[in-house]
Amino acid sequence: MSRALTGGASAALFAILLLAVACSSAPPKSPEQERADAATTERIYAALEANPIYYFRDVEVEVDDGVALLRGYVWTTDALYRAQEITRGIAGVTRVHNAMELERQGNRGGGDTAGN
């Protein structure tokens, strides 16, 4: 028993869908926010590269409204935590999301390609 939606029901469904789409897109950043995020990103990269103990050249940084996203690869758990710690200490960073992975023995994700 299938019936087509009545005019009122279809209008309500359309309104709900329109509201969902409107809420799902973020407003565009202002030029000032773009510059602030870019400057924060550069400060994070500089601080990571200045670290004398760990190699962070495989870490990618993105900043969106003060929230730093770290992606890429490090070789130890200590390096992973240190990258987060360094990033938290940068002016303009409000939060840090870690999406980094460990790379062990040259294999990303710590897998053993030799089957051992």
Protein backbone atom coordinates (compact mmCIF):
# COMPACT_ATOMS: atom_id res chain seq x y z
CA MET A 1 0.00 0.00 0.00
CA SER A 2 2.11 2.85 -1.27
CA ARG A 3 0.89 6.43 -1.34
CA ALA A 4 2.51 9.57 -2.62
CA LEU A 5 3.35 12.22 -0.05
CA THR A 6 0.71 14.86 0.38
CA GLY A 7 1.62 18.48 -0.36
CA GLY A 8 2.11 19.35 3.31
CA ALA A 9 4.21 16.28 4.06
CA SER A 10 6.42 16.77 1.02
CA ALA A 11 6.92 20.45 1.90
CA ALA A 12 7.93 19.47 5.45
CA LEU A 13 10.36 16.85 4.13
CA PHE A 14 11.83 19.42 1.73
CA ALA A 15 12.25 21.93 4.58
CA ILE A 16 14.03 19.33 6.74
CA LEU A 17 16.39 18.40 3.92
CA LEU A 18 17.09 22.06 3.15
CA LEU A 19 17.87 22.73 6.82
CA ALA A 20 20.19 19.71 7.00
CA VAL A 21 22.16 20.86 3.95
CA ALA A 22 22.39 24.43 5.25
CA CYS A 23 23.72 23.24 8.62
CA SER A 24 26.26 20.85 7.14
CA SER A 25 28.35 23.44 5.31
CA ALA A 26 30.70 25.61 7.32
CA PRO A 27 30.80 29.33 6.62
CA PRO A 28 33.80 30.45 4.59
CA LYS A 29 36.82 31.71 6.49
CA SER A 30 37.58 35.39 6.56
CA PRO A 31 40.88 36.53 5.01
CA GLU A 32 42.12 37.29 8.52
CA GLN A 33 41.35 33.76 9.69
CA GLU A 34 43.05 32.31 6.60
CA ARG A 35 46.18 34.34 7.39
CA ALA A 36 46.07 33.42 11.09
CA ASP A 37 45.78 29.70 10.30
CA ALA A 38 48.59 29.90 7.74
CA ALA A 39 50.84 31.71 10.23
CA THR A 40 50.06 29.15 12.94
CA THR A 41 50.83 26.33 10.51
CA GLU A 42 54.21 27.89 9.71
CA ARG A 43 55.03 28.30 13.41
CA ILE A 44 54.22 24.63 14.01
CA TYR A 45 56.40 23.48 11.11
CA ALA A 46 59.28 25.69 12.31
CA ALA A 47 59.02 24.34 15.88
CA LEU A 48 58.89 20.73 14.69
CA GLU A 49 61.89 21.21 12.39
CA ALA A 50 63.86 22.92 15.18
CA ASN A 51 63.53 19.91 17.47
CA PRO A 52 67.04 18.43 17.82
CA ILE A 53 65.92 14.97 18.96
CA TYR A 54 63.15 13.78 16.63
CA TYR A 55 62.74 13.75 12.88
CA PHE A 56 59.41 15.37 11.97
CA ARG A 57 59.85 15.89 8.22
CA ASP A 58 57.16 13.30 7.48
CA VAL A 59 54.57 15.11 9.61
CA GLU A 60 51.98 17.19 7.78
CA VAL A 61 50.22 20.04 9.56
CA GLU A 62 46.86 21.64 8.86
CA VAL A 63 45.28 24.35 11.01
CA ASP A 64 41.61 25.25 10.86
CA ASP A 65 40.39 28.00 13.19
CA GLY A 66 43.17 27.23 15.67
CA VAL A 67 42.65 23.45 15.61
CA ALA A 68 45.86 21.72 14.48
CA LEU A 69 45.68 18.40 12.64
CA LEU A 70 48.89 16.36 12.61
CA ARG A 71 49.18 13.63 9.98
CA GLY A 72 52.03 11.60 8.61
CA TYR A 73 54.62 9.31 10.12
CA VAL A 74 56.99 9.23 13.07
CA TRP A 75 59.25 6.42 14.22
CA THR A 76 58.58 6.22 17.94
CA THR A 77 55.73 6.71 20.36
CA ASP A 78 57.86 9.32 22.14
CA ALA A 79 58.16 11.28 18.88
CA LEU A 80 54.40 11.12 18.40
CA TYR A 81 53.75 12.53 21.87
CA ARG A 82 56.50 15.14 21.49
CA ALA A 83 54.99 16.42 18.22
CA GLN A 84 51.67 16.90 20.01
CA GLU A 85 53.38 18.62 22.93
CA ILE A 86 55.31 20.99 20.65
CA THR A 87 52.14 21.82 18.71
CA ARG A 88 50.15 22.55 21.88
CA GLY A 89 52.78 25.10 22.87
CA ILE A 90 52.40 27.16 19.69
CA ALA A 91 50.57 30.49 19.90
CA GLY A 92 47.24 30.30 18.12
CA VAL A 93 46.69 26.55 18.67
CA THR A 94 43.50 25.85 20.58
CA ARG A 95 43.40 22.07 20.14
CA VAL A 96 45.48 19.28 18.57
CA HIS A 97 44.12 16.30 16.66
CA ASN A 98 46.56 13.45 16.14
CA ALA A 99 46.24 11.39 12.98
CA MET A 100 49.92 10.38 12.86
CA GLU A 101 51.04 6.81 12.45
CA LEU A 102 54.11 4.93 13.61
CA GLU A 103 56.55 3.73 10.99
CA ARG A 104 58.73 0.91 12.23
CA GLN A 105 61.65 -0.72 10.48
CA GLY A 106 60.81 1.16 7.31
CA ASN A 107 57.28 -0.24 7.14
CA ARG A 108 54.39 2.12 7.64
CA GLY A 109 51.89 0.90 10.17
CA GLY A 110 54.47 -1.38 11.79
CA GLY A 111 53.75 -4.36 9.51
CA ASP A 112 56.41 -6.88 8.59
CA THR A 113 56.48 -7.32 4.81
CA ALA A 114 58.86 -10.29 5.05
CA GLY A 115 56.19 -12.37 6.74
CA ASN A 116 58.37 -13.00 9.81
